[in-house]
Amino acid sequence: MLNDGYTPLEIYNSGIPLSSIYGKFYQGGLITYLNTTTGNGLIAASIDQAATTNWGCSTVLMGASGTAIGTGAQNTILIEAGCTTAGIATDVCANLNLNGYSDWFLPSKDELFELYQNLYIYGIGGIRDNVYWSSSESNASSAWAWSMKFGEGSGLTPKNSGFGTEPISVRAVRAF
């Protein structure tokens, strides 16, 4: 139905459950979240953008503290403005051009949880057992990351290092 020009909200309102909508290819990636009131949602890239990278500048408070759904894009803008280091997690997402779209960003903590809850748990999207960065900063030296394998997050992840002995990966999202 997506290929016939229907929006995810129209499909949901026709009686199709969210579980049948999540993971479907739409507007450059995989549907990972749908607000059933507004029709807004999130698309996850269908591949990881980096196997391991730093979050960003390790001792600078970027003000990217938003954790809720809808805050990842603004967090990414703030981090990019305050840290010009090439190849950091937000830089990889902000400069991504994938499947005809260039408005990708690093997901906030809650947006990243949607990837876990609606894609990873069901084996959709090739999301690995790795830890993934969010754009949500917790303090000057730490940011939120989510372990897909263990289904848990930590706001004490040093911005310049891995999560314990595991690499920290990056998966970009975009809003629709």
N, C-alpha and C. Protein backbone atom coordinates (compact mmCIF):
# COMPACT_ATOMS: atom_id res chain seq x y z
N MET A 1 0.82 -1.20 0.00
CA MET A 1 0.00 0.00 0.00
C MET A 1 0.86 1.26 0.00
N LEU A 2 2.06 1.20 0.64
CA LEU A 2 2.95 2.35 0.61
C LEU A 2 3.33 2.69 -0.82
N ASN A 3 3.53 1.66 -1.64
CA ASN A 3 3.89 1.87 -3.04
C ASN A 3 2.73 2.45 -3.84
N ASP A 4 1.52 2.37 -3.32
CA ASP A 4 0.34 2.91 -4.01
C ASP A 4 0.06 4.35 -3.61
N GLY A 5 0.95 4.96 -2.83
CA GLY A 5 0.80 6.37 -2.46
C GLY A 5 0.10 6.63 -1.15
N TYR A 6 -0.22 5.60 -0.39
CA TYR A 6 -0.84 5.80 0.92
C TYR A 6 0.23 6.12 1.95
N THR A 7 -0.10 6.96 2.91
CA THR A 7 0.83 7.28 3.98
C THR A 7 0.74 6.19 5.05
N PRO A 8 1.76 6.09 5.89
CA PRO A 8 1.67 5.13 6.99
C PRO A 8 0.44 5.35 7.88
N LEU A 9 0.06 6.61 8.11
CA LEU A 9 -1.12 6.88 8.94
C LEU A 9 -2.39 6.39 8.25
N GLU A 10 -2.50 6.60 6.95
CA GLU A 10 -3.67 6.11 6.23
C GLU A 10 -3.75 4.59 6.28
N ILE A 11 -2.60 3.95 6.19
CA ILE A 11 -2.57 2.48 6.27
C ILE A 11 -2.99 2.02 7.67
N TYR A 12 -2.45 2.68 8.69
CA TYR A 12 -2.82 2.35 10.07
C TYR A 12 -4.32 2.57 10.28
N ASN A 13 -4.85 3.69 9.81
CA ASN A 13 -6.27 4.00 10.00
C ASN A 13 -7.19 3.05 9.22
N SER A 14 -6.62 2.33 8.25
CA SER A 14 -7.44 1.35 7.51
C SER A 14 -7.55 0.02 8.26
N GLY A 15 -6.88 -0.07 9.42
CA GLY A 15 -6.98 -1.27 10.23
C GLY A 15 -5.73 -2.14 10.27
N ILE A 16 -4.69 -1.72 9.60
CA ILE A 16 -3.42 -2.47 9.61
C ILE A 16 -2.69 -2.15 10.92
N PRO A 17 -2.25 -3.15 11.67
CA PRO A 17 -1.57 -2.87 12.95
C PRO A 17 -0.17 -2.27 12.74
N LEU A 18 0.28 -1.52 13.72
CA LEU A 18 1.61 -0.91 13.65
C LEU A 18 2.70 -1.95 13.40
N SER A 19 2.55 -3.12 14.01
CA SER A 19 3.57 -4.16 13.85
C SER A 19 3.73 -4.58 12.39
N SER A 20 2.72 -4.37 11.58
CA SER A 20 2.80 -4.69 10.15
C SER A 20 3.33 -3.52 9.33
N ILE A 21 3.41 -2.35 9.93
CA ILE A 21 3.91 -1.15 9.25
C ILE A 21 5.39 -0.96 9.53
N TYR A 22 5.80 -1.22 10.78
CA TYR A 22 7.20 -1.04 11.15
C TYR A 22 8.09 -1.97 10.33
N GLY A 23 9.20 -1.41 9.87
CA GLY A 23 10.15 -2.18 9.09
C GLY A 23 9.91 -2.13 7.59
N LYS A 24 8.81 -1.54 7.17
CA LYS A 24 8.53 -1.40 5.74
C LYS A 24 9.35 -0.24 5.18
N PHE A 25 9.82 -0.40 3.93
CA PHE A 25 10.62 0.64 3.28
C PHE A 25 9.72 1.79 2.86
N TYR A 26 10.10 3.01 3.24
CA TYR A 26 9.32 4.21 2.95
C TYR A 26 10.22 5.41 3.02
N GLN A 27 10.17 6.27 2.05
CA GLN A 27 10.93 7.52 2.03
C GLN A 27 12.39 7.35 2.42
N GLY A 28 13.04 6.37 1.83
CA GLY A 28 14.48 6.20 1.98
C GLY A 28 14.96 5.29 3.08
N GLY A 29 14.06 4.70 3.85
CA GLY A 29 14.50 3.82 4.93
C GLY A 29 13.35 3.00 5.49
N LEU A 30 13.54 2.49 6.68
CA LEU A 30 12.58 1.59 7.32
C LEU A 30 11.75 2.34 8.36
N ILE A 31 10.44 2.22 8.27
CA ILE A 31 9.57 2.88 9.24
C ILE A 31 9.86 2.26 10.61
N THR A 32 10.18 3.13 11.57
CA THR A 32 10.49 2.64 12.91
C THR A 32 9.61 3.24 14.00
N TYR A 33 8.86 4.28 13.65
CA TYR A 33 7.96 4.90 14.62
C TYR A 33 6.88 5.65 13.86
N LEU A 34 5.65 5.60 14.36
CA LEU A 34 4.54 6.35 13.80
C LEU A 34 3.70 6.91 14.93
N ASN A 35 3.51 8.23 14.93
CA ASN A 35 2.59 8.87 15.85
C ASN A 35 1.21 8.73 15.22
N THR A 36 0.36 7.94 15.81
CA THR A 36 -0.94 7.62 15.21
C THR A 36 -1.96 8.76 15.32
N THR A 37 -1.59 9.84 15.97
CA THR A 37 -2.45 11.02 16.03
C THR A 37 -2.07 12.02 14.93
N THR A 38 -0.78 12.31 14.81
CA THR A 38 -0.33 13.34 13.86
C THR A 38 0.08 12.78 12.50
N GLY A 39 0.47 11.51 12.47
CA GLY A 39 0.98 10.93 11.23
C GLY A 39 2.47 11.14 11.05
N ASN A 40 3.10 11.86 11.97
CA ASN A 40 4.55 12.03 11.92
C ASN A 40 5.22 10.74 12.34
N GLY A 41 6.45 10.56 11.88
CA GLY A 41 7.15 9.35 12.26
C GLY A 41 8.63 9.42 11.99
N LEU A 42 9.27 8.28 12.17
CA LEU A 42 10.71 8.16 11.97
C LEU A 42 11.02 7.04 11.00
N ILE A 43 12.01 7.29 10.18
CA ILE A 43 12.56 6.32 9.24
C ILE A 43 13.99 6.03 9.69
N ALA A 44 14.37 4.78 9.77
CA ALA A 44 15.75 4.41 10.09
C ALA A 44 16.45 4.02 8.80
N ALA A 45 17.71 4.41 8.68
CA ALA A 45 18.51 3.95 7.54
C ALA A 45 18.52 2.43 7.56
N SER A 46 18.61 1.83 6.40
CA SER A 46 18.55 0.37 6.32
C SER A 46 19.90 -0.30 6.58
N ILE A 47 20.95 0.50 6.77
CA ILE A 47 22.28 -0.01 7.10
C ILE A 47 22.91 0.90 8.15
N ASP A 48 23.89 0.36 8.88
CA ASP A 48 24.65 1.19 9.82
C ASP A 48 25.50 2.17 9.04
N GLN A 49 25.70 3.36 9.61
CA GLN A 49 26.55 4.35 8.97
C GLN A 49 28.00 4.26 9.46
N ALA A 50 28.21 3.68 10.60
CA ALA A 50 29.57 3.50 11.13
C ALA A 50 29.55 2.32 12.09
N ALA A 51 30.60 1.52 12.01
CA ALA A 51 30.72 0.38 12.92
C ALA A 51 31.17 0.83 14.29
N THR A 52 32.00 1.83 14.33
CA THR A 52 32.45 2.38 15.61
C THR A 52 32.99 3.79 15.39
N THR A 53 32.59 4.70 16.24
CA THR A 53 33.06 6.08 16.16
C THR A 53 32.81 6.77 17.50
N ASN A 54 33.47 7.88 17.71
CA ASN A 54 33.23 8.68 18.90
C ASN A 54 31.94 9.46 18.75
N TRP A 55 31.34 9.83 19.88
CA TRP A 55 30.12 10.63 19.89
C TRP A 55 30.38 12.04 19.38
N GLY A 56 31.43 12.66 19.94
CA GLY A 56 31.75 14.04 19.59
C GLY A 56 32.84 14.56 20.48
N CYS A 57 32.95 15.85 20.58
CA CYS A 57 33.96 16.47 21.43
C CYS A 57 33.73 16.02 22.87
N SER A 58 34.78 15.52 23.49
CA SER A 58 34.59 14.79 24.73
C SER A 58 34.44 15.63 25.99
N THR A 59 34.81 16.87 25.98
CA THR A 59 34.71 17.62 27.23
C THR A 59 33.92 18.91 27.09
N VAL A 60 33.17 19.03 26.04
CA VAL A 60 32.41 20.25 25.80
C VAL A 60 30.92 19.95 25.93
N LEU A 61 30.22 20.75 26.71
CA LEU A 61 28.78 20.58 26.84
C LEU A 61 28.11 21.22 25.63
N MET A 62 27.46 20.42 24.81
CA MET A 62 26.88 20.88 23.56
C MET A 62 25.45 21.40 23.71
N GLY A 63 24.78 21.11 24.83
CA GLY A 63 23.40 21.52 25.00
C GLY A 63 22.41 20.60 24.30
N ALA A 64 22.92 19.49 23.79
CA ALA A 64 22.09 18.52 23.07
C ALA A 64 21.50 17.52 24.05
N SER A 65 20.71 18.02 24.98
CA SER A 65 20.22 17.17 26.06
C SER A 65 18.83 16.60 25.82
N GLY A 66 18.22 16.90 24.67
CA GLY A 66 16.89 16.37 24.39
C GLY A 66 16.91 14.86 24.29
N THR A 67 15.98 14.21 24.95
CA THR A 67 15.90 12.75 24.91
C THR A 67 14.63 12.25 24.25
N ALA A 68 13.61 13.08 24.15
CA ALA A 68 12.30 12.67 23.65
C ALA A 68 12.29 12.47 22.14
N ILE A 69 11.27 11.77 21.68
CA ILE A 69 11.05 11.64 20.24
C ILE A 69 10.81 13.04 19.69
N GLY A 70 11.51 13.38 18.62
CA GLY A 70 11.41 14.70 18.02
C GLY A 70 12.55 15.63 18.37
N THR A 71 13.50 15.17 19.22
CA THR A 71 14.61 16.05 19.61
C THR A 71 15.94 15.67 18.95
N GLY A 72 16.00 14.56 18.27
CA GLY A 72 17.26 14.11 17.67
C GLY A 72 17.82 15.05 16.62
N ALA A 73 16.95 15.61 15.78
CA ALA A 73 17.42 16.52 14.73
C ALA A 73 18.05 17.77 15.34
N GLN A 74 17.40 18.36 16.34
CA GLN A 74 17.95 19.55 16.98
C GLN A 74 19.24 19.23 17.74
N ASN A 75 19.28 18.08 18.42
CA ASN A 75 20.53 17.66 19.08
C ASN A 75 21.66 17.59 18.07
N THR A 76 21.39 16.98 16.92
CA THR A 76 22.41 16.82 15.88
C THR A 76 22.92 18.18 15.41
N ILE A 77 22.01 19.12 15.20
CA ILE A 77 22.40 20.48 14.78
C ILE A 77 23.30 21.12 15.82
N LEU A 78 22.93 21.01 17.09
CA LEU A 78 23.73 21.61 18.17
C LEU A 78 25.13 20.99 18.26
N ILE A 79 25.20 19.68 18.13
CA ILE A 79 26.50 18.99 18.22
C ILE A 79 27.37 19.39 17.03
N GLU A 80 26.78 19.40 15.85
CA GLU A 80 27.53 19.78 14.65
C GLU A 80 28.06 21.21 14.75
N ALA A 81 27.27 22.10 15.32
CA ALA A 81 27.68 23.50 15.45
C ALA A 81 28.80 23.67 16.46
N GLY A 82 28.82 22.83 17.50
CA GLY A 82 29.80 22.98 18.56
C GLY A 82 31.03 22.09 18.45
N CYS A 83 31.01 21.14 17.55
CA CYS A 83 32.14 20.22 17.42
C CYS A 83 32.38 19.96 15.94
N THR A 84 33.45 20.47 15.42
CA THR A 84 33.73 20.37 13.99
C THR A 84 34.60 19.18 13.62
N THR A 85 34.77 18.25 14.54
CA THR A 85 35.58 17.06 14.27
C THR A 85 34.89 16.19 13.23
N ALA A 86 35.59 15.91 12.14
CA ALA A 86 35.03 15.07 11.08
C ALA A 86 34.93 13.62 11.55
N GLY A 87 33.89 12.93 11.10
CA GLY A 87 33.74 11.50 11.36
C GLY A 87 33.10 11.13 12.68
N ILE A 88 32.72 12.12 13.51
CA ILE A 88 32.01 11.79 14.75
C ILE A 88 30.60 11.31 14.38
N ALA A 89 29.91 10.73 15.33
CA ALA A 89 28.60 10.12 15.07
C ALA A 89 27.61 11.07 14.41
N THR A 90 27.48 12.29 14.93
CA THR A 90 26.53 13.23 14.34
C THR A 90 26.97 13.67 12.95
N ASP A 91 28.26 13.83 12.75
CA ASP A 91 28.79 14.26 11.46
C ASP A 91 28.48 13.22 10.38
N VAL A 92 28.64 11.96 10.73
CA VAL A 92 28.35 10.88 9.80
C VAL A 92 26.87 10.94 9.37
N CYS A 93 25.99 11.19 10.33
CA CYS A 93 24.54 11.24 10.03
C CYS A 93 24.17 12.52 9.29
N ALA A 94 24.67 13.66 9.77
CA ALA A 94 24.30 14.95 9.18
C ALA A 94 24.76 15.07 7.73
N ASN A 95 25.81 14.38 7.36
CA ASN A 95 26.34 14.45 6.00
C ASN A 95 25.95 13.26 5.14
N LEU A 96 25.02 12.47 5.62
CA LEU A 96 24.59 11.28 4.89
C LEU A 96 23.61 11.65 3.78
N ASN A 97 23.85 11.10 2.61
CA ASN A 97 22.91 11.19 1.50
C ASN A 97 22.61 9.75 1.12
N LEU A 98 21.42 9.28 1.45
CA LEU A 98 21.07 7.88 1.27
C LEU A 98 19.69 7.76 0.65
N ASN A 99 19.60 7.00 -0.41
CA ASN A 99 18.33 6.74 -1.09
C ASN A 99 17.58 8.01 -1.47
N GLY A 100 18.33 9.04 -1.86
CA GLY A 100 17.72 10.29 -2.32
C GLY A 100 17.37 11.27 -1.22
N TYR A 101 17.75 10.99 0.03
CA TYR A 101 17.43 11.88 1.16
C TYR A 101 18.73 12.32 1.84
N SER A 102 18.76 13.59 2.24
CA SER A 102 19.96 14.13 2.90
C SER A 102 19.63 14.80 4.23
N ASP A 103 18.46 14.51 4.80
CA ASP A 103 18.05 15.13 6.06
C ASP A 103 18.13 14.15 7.24
N TRP A 104 19.15 13.31 7.24
CA TRP A 104 19.34 12.31 8.29
C TRP A 104 19.94 12.95 9.53
N PHE A 105 19.73 12.34 10.68
CA PHE A 105 20.31 12.82 11.93
C PHE A 105 20.54 11.65 12.87
N LEU A 106 21.32 11.90 13.92
CA LEU A 106 21.56 10.90 14.95
C LEU A 106 20.36 10.90 15.89
N PRO A 107 19.73 9.74 16.11
CA PRO A 107 18.51 9.72 16.93
C PRO A 107 18.76 10.09 18.39
N SER A 108 17.75 10.70 19.01
CA SER A 108 17.80 10.95 20.45
C SER A 108 17.70 9.61 21.18
N LYS A 109 17.84 9.66 22.49
CA LYS A 109 17.74 8.44 23.30
C LYS A 109 16.41 7.72 23.07
N ASP A 110 15.29 8.43 23.12
CA ASP A 110 13.99 7.79 22.95
C ASP A 110 13.75 7.35 21.51
N GLU A 111 14.28 8.09 20.54
CA GLU A 111 14.17 7.69 19.14
C GLU A 111 14.96 6.40 18.90
N LEU A 112 16.12 6.30 19.52
CA LEU A 112 16.94 5.09 19.40
C LEU A 112 16.23 3.89 20.04
N PHE A 113 15.53 4.13 21.14
CA PHE A 113 14.75 3.06 21.77
C PHE A 113 13.69 2.52 20.81
N GLU A 114 13.10 3.38 19.98
CA GLU A 114 12.11 2.92 18.99
C GLU A 114 12.74 1.95 17.99
N LEU A 115 14.00 2.18 17.61
CA LEU A 115 14.69 1.24 16.73
C LEU A 115 14.82 -0.11 17.41
N TYR A 116 15.17 -0.08 18.67
CA TYR A 116 15.30 -1.32 19.45
C TYR A 116 13.95 -2.04 19.53
N GLN A 117 12.93 -1.29 19.95
CA GLN A 117 11.62 -1.86 20.24
C GLN A 117 10.87 -2.32 18.99
N ASN A 118 11.01 -1.59 17.89
CA ASN A 118 10.18 -1.88 16.72
C ASN A 118 10.92 -2.54 15.55
N LEU A 119 12.26 -2.56 15.59
CA LEU A 119 13.02 -3.21 14.53
C LEU A 119 13.91 -4.32 15.09
N TYR A 120 14.83 -3.96 15.96
CA TYR A 120 15.82 -4.93 16.45
C TYR A 120 15.18 -6.18 17.06
N ILE A 121 14.24 -6.01 17.96
CA ILE A 121 13.62 -7.14 18.65
C ILE A 121 13.01 -8.14 17.66
N TYR A 122 12.55 -7.64 16.51
CA TYR A 122 11.91 -8.50 15.51
C TYR A 122 12.87 -8.92 14.39
N GLY A 123 14.16 -8.60 14.56
CA GLY A 123 15.15 -9.00 13.56
C GLY A 123 15.02 -8.27 12.24
N ILE A 124 14.52 -7.04 12.28
CA ILE A 124 14.31 -6.25 11.07
C ILE A 124 15.41 -5.20 10.94
N GLY A 125 15.91 -5.02 9.75
CA GLY A 125 16.81 -3.90 9.47
C GLY A 125 18.28 -4.16 9.66
N GLY A 126 18.67 -5.36 9.96
CA GLY A 126 20.09 -5.66 10.09
C GLY A 126 20.78 -4.94 11.24
N ILE A 127 20.02 -4.58 12.24
CA ILE A 127 20.62 -3.91 13.40
C ILE A 127 21.39 -4.96 14.20
N ARG A 128 22.64 -4.68 14.45
CA ARG A 128 23.53 -5.64 15.10
C ARG A 128 23.32 -5.68 16.62
N ASP A 129 23.99 -6.62 17.25
CA ASP A 129 23.96 -6.73 18.71
C ASP A 129 24.81 -5.66 19.38
N ASN A 130 25.27 -4.70 18.63
CA ASN A 130 26.17 -3.65 19.13
C ASN A 130 25.46 -2.65 20.02
N VAL A 131 26.27 -1.77 20.57
CA VAL A 131 25.80 -0.58 21.26
C VAL A 131 25.73 0.52 20.20
N TYR A 132 24.71 1.36 20.27
CA TYR A 132 24.51 2.45 19.31
C TYR A 132 24.45 3.79 20.04
N TRP A 133 25.06 4.81 19.42
CA TRP A 133 25.02 6.15 19.97
C TRP A 133 23.66 6.79 19.75
N SER A 134 23.24 7.60 20.73
CA SER A 134 22.13 8.52 20.55
C SER A 134 22.73 9.93 20.48
N SER A 135 21.92 10.90 20.12
CA SER A 135 22.39 12.29 20.10
C SER A 135 22.17 12.98 21.44
N SER A 136 21.68 12.26 22.42
CA SER A 136 21.34 12.84 23.73
C SER A 136 22.55 12.87 24.64
N GLU A 137 22.98 14.07 24.94
CA GLU A 137 24.11 14.28 25.84
C GLU A 137 23.63 14.21 27.28
N SER A 138 24.41 13.58 28.15
CA SER A 138 24.00 13.56 29.55
C SER A 138 24.81 14.53 30.41
N ASN A 139 26.05 14.78 30.04
CA ASN A 139 26.87 15.81 30.70
C ASN A 139 28.05 16.14 29.78
N ALA A 140 29.00 16.93 30.27
CA ALA A 140 30.11 17.39 29.42
C ALA A 140 30.95 16.25 28.87
N SER A 141 31.02 15.14 29.56
CA SER A 141 31.89 14.06 29.09
C SER A 141 31.17 12.78 28.70
N SER A 142 29.83 12.74 28.85
CA SER A 142 29.08 11.51 28.58
C SER A 142 27.84 11.77 27.73
N ALA A 143 27.42 10.71 27.04
CA ALA A 143 26.19 10.76 26.24
C ALA A 143 25.47 9.43 26.38
N TRP A 144 24.20 9.40 25.96
CA TRP A 144 23.40 8.19 26.03
C TRP A 144 23.73 7.25 24.87
N ALA A 145 23.87 5.99 25.20
CA ALA A 145 24.05 4.93 24.20
C ALA A 145 23.11 3.80 24.58
N TRP A 146 22.77 2.95 23.60
CA TRP A 146 21.83 1.86 23.83
C TRP A 146 22.44 0.56 23.37
N SER A 147 22.45 -0.44 24.25
CA SER A 147 22.92 -1.78 23.91
C SER A 147 21.75 -2.58 23.36
N MET A 148 21.79 -2.87 22.07
CA MET A 148 20.72 -3.66 21.45
C MET A 148 20.73 -5.07 22.04
N LYS A 149 21.89 -5.63 22.20
CA LYS A 149 22.03 -7.00 22.70
C LYS A 149 21.41 -7.17 24.07
N PHE A 150 21.63 -6.22 24.96
CA PHE A 150 21.15 -6.34 26.33
C PHE A 150 19.87 -5.55 26.60
N GLY A 151 19.42 -4.76 25.62
CA GLY A 151 18.17 -4.01 25.77
C GLY A 151 18.21 -2.98 26.88
N GLU A 152 19.33 -2.26 26.97
CA GLU A 152 19.46 -1.26 28.02
C GLU A 152 20.30 -0.09 27.55
N GLY A 153 20.05 1.06 28.14
CA GLY A 153 20.79 2.26 27.81
C GLY A 153 21.62 2.74 28.97
N SER A 154 22.59 3.60 28.65
CA SER A 154 23.41 4.20 29.68
C SER A 154 23.71 5.64 29.30
N GLY A 155 23.49 6.55 30.24
CA GLY A 155 23.81 7.96 30.04
C GLY A 155 25.20 8.29 30.53
N LEU A 156 25.95 7.27 30.92
CA LEU A 156 27.30 7.49 31.44
C LEU A 156 28.37 7.02 30.46
N THR A 157 28.02 6.91 29.19
CA THR A 157 28.96 6.44 28.18
C THR A 157 29.89 7.58 27.79
N PRO A 158 31.20 7.43 28.02
CA PRO A 158 32.14 8.50 27.65
C PRO A 158 32.05 8.79 26.16
N LYS A 159 32.01 10.08 25.82
CA LYS A 159 31.84 10.49 24.43
C LYS A 159 32.98 10.03 23.53
N ASN A 160 34.15 9.77 24.11
CA ASN A 160 35.31 9.44 23.29
C ASN A 160 35.76 7.99 23.43
N SER A 161 34.89 7.11 23.91
CA SER A 161 35.31 5.72 24.05
C SER A 161 34.15 4.78 23.82
N GLY A 162 34.47 3.50 23.78
CA GLY A 162 33.45 2.47 23.60
C GLY A 162 32.66 2.22 24.86
N PHE A 163 31.64 1.43 24.77
CA PHE A 163 30.74 1.05 25.86
C PHE A 163 31.33 -0.23 26.45
N GLY A 164 32.16 -0.10 27.46
CA GLY A 164 32.87 -1.27 27.99
C GLY A 164 33.88 -1.72 26.94
N THR A 165 33.76 -2.96 26.51
CA THR A 165 34.67 -3.48 25.50
C THR A 165 34.02 -3.53 24.12
N GLU A 166 32.78 -3.06 24.00
CA GLU A 166 32.07 -3.14 22.73
C GLU A 166 32.24 -1.86 21.92
N PRO A 167 32.28 -1.99 20.59
CA PRO A 167 32.30 -0.78 19.76
C PRO A 167 30.93 -0.09 19.81
N ILE A 168 30.92 1.19 19.51
CA ILE A 168 29.65 1.91 19.48
C ILE A 168 29.35 2.29 18.04
N SER A 169 28.21 1.82 17.55
CA SER A 169 27.82 1.98 16.16
C SER A 169 26.90 3.18 15.98
N VAL A 170 26.61 3.50 14.72
CA VAL A 170 25.77 4.63 14.36
C VAL A 170 24.74 4.19 13.35
N ARG A 171 23.48 4.52 13.62
CA ARG A 171 22.38 4.27 12.68
C ARG A 171 21.58 5.57 12.57
N ALA A 172 21.57 6.19 11.40
CA ALA A 172 20.89 7.45 11.18
C ALA A 172 19.38 7.25 11.05
N VAL A 173 18.64 8.30 11.38
CA VAL A 173 17.19 8.33 11.19
C VAL A 173 16.82 9.64 10.50
N ARG A 174 15.60 9.70 10.00
CA ARG A 174 15.04 10.92 9.46
C ARG A 174 13.56 10.96 9.81
N ALA A 175 13.02 12.15 9.86
CA ALA A 175 11.61 12.31 10.21
C ALA A 175 10.75 12.39 8.95
N PHE A 176 9.50 11.97 9.09
CA PHE A 176 8.52 12.19 8.00
C PHE A 176 7.24 12.72 8.61
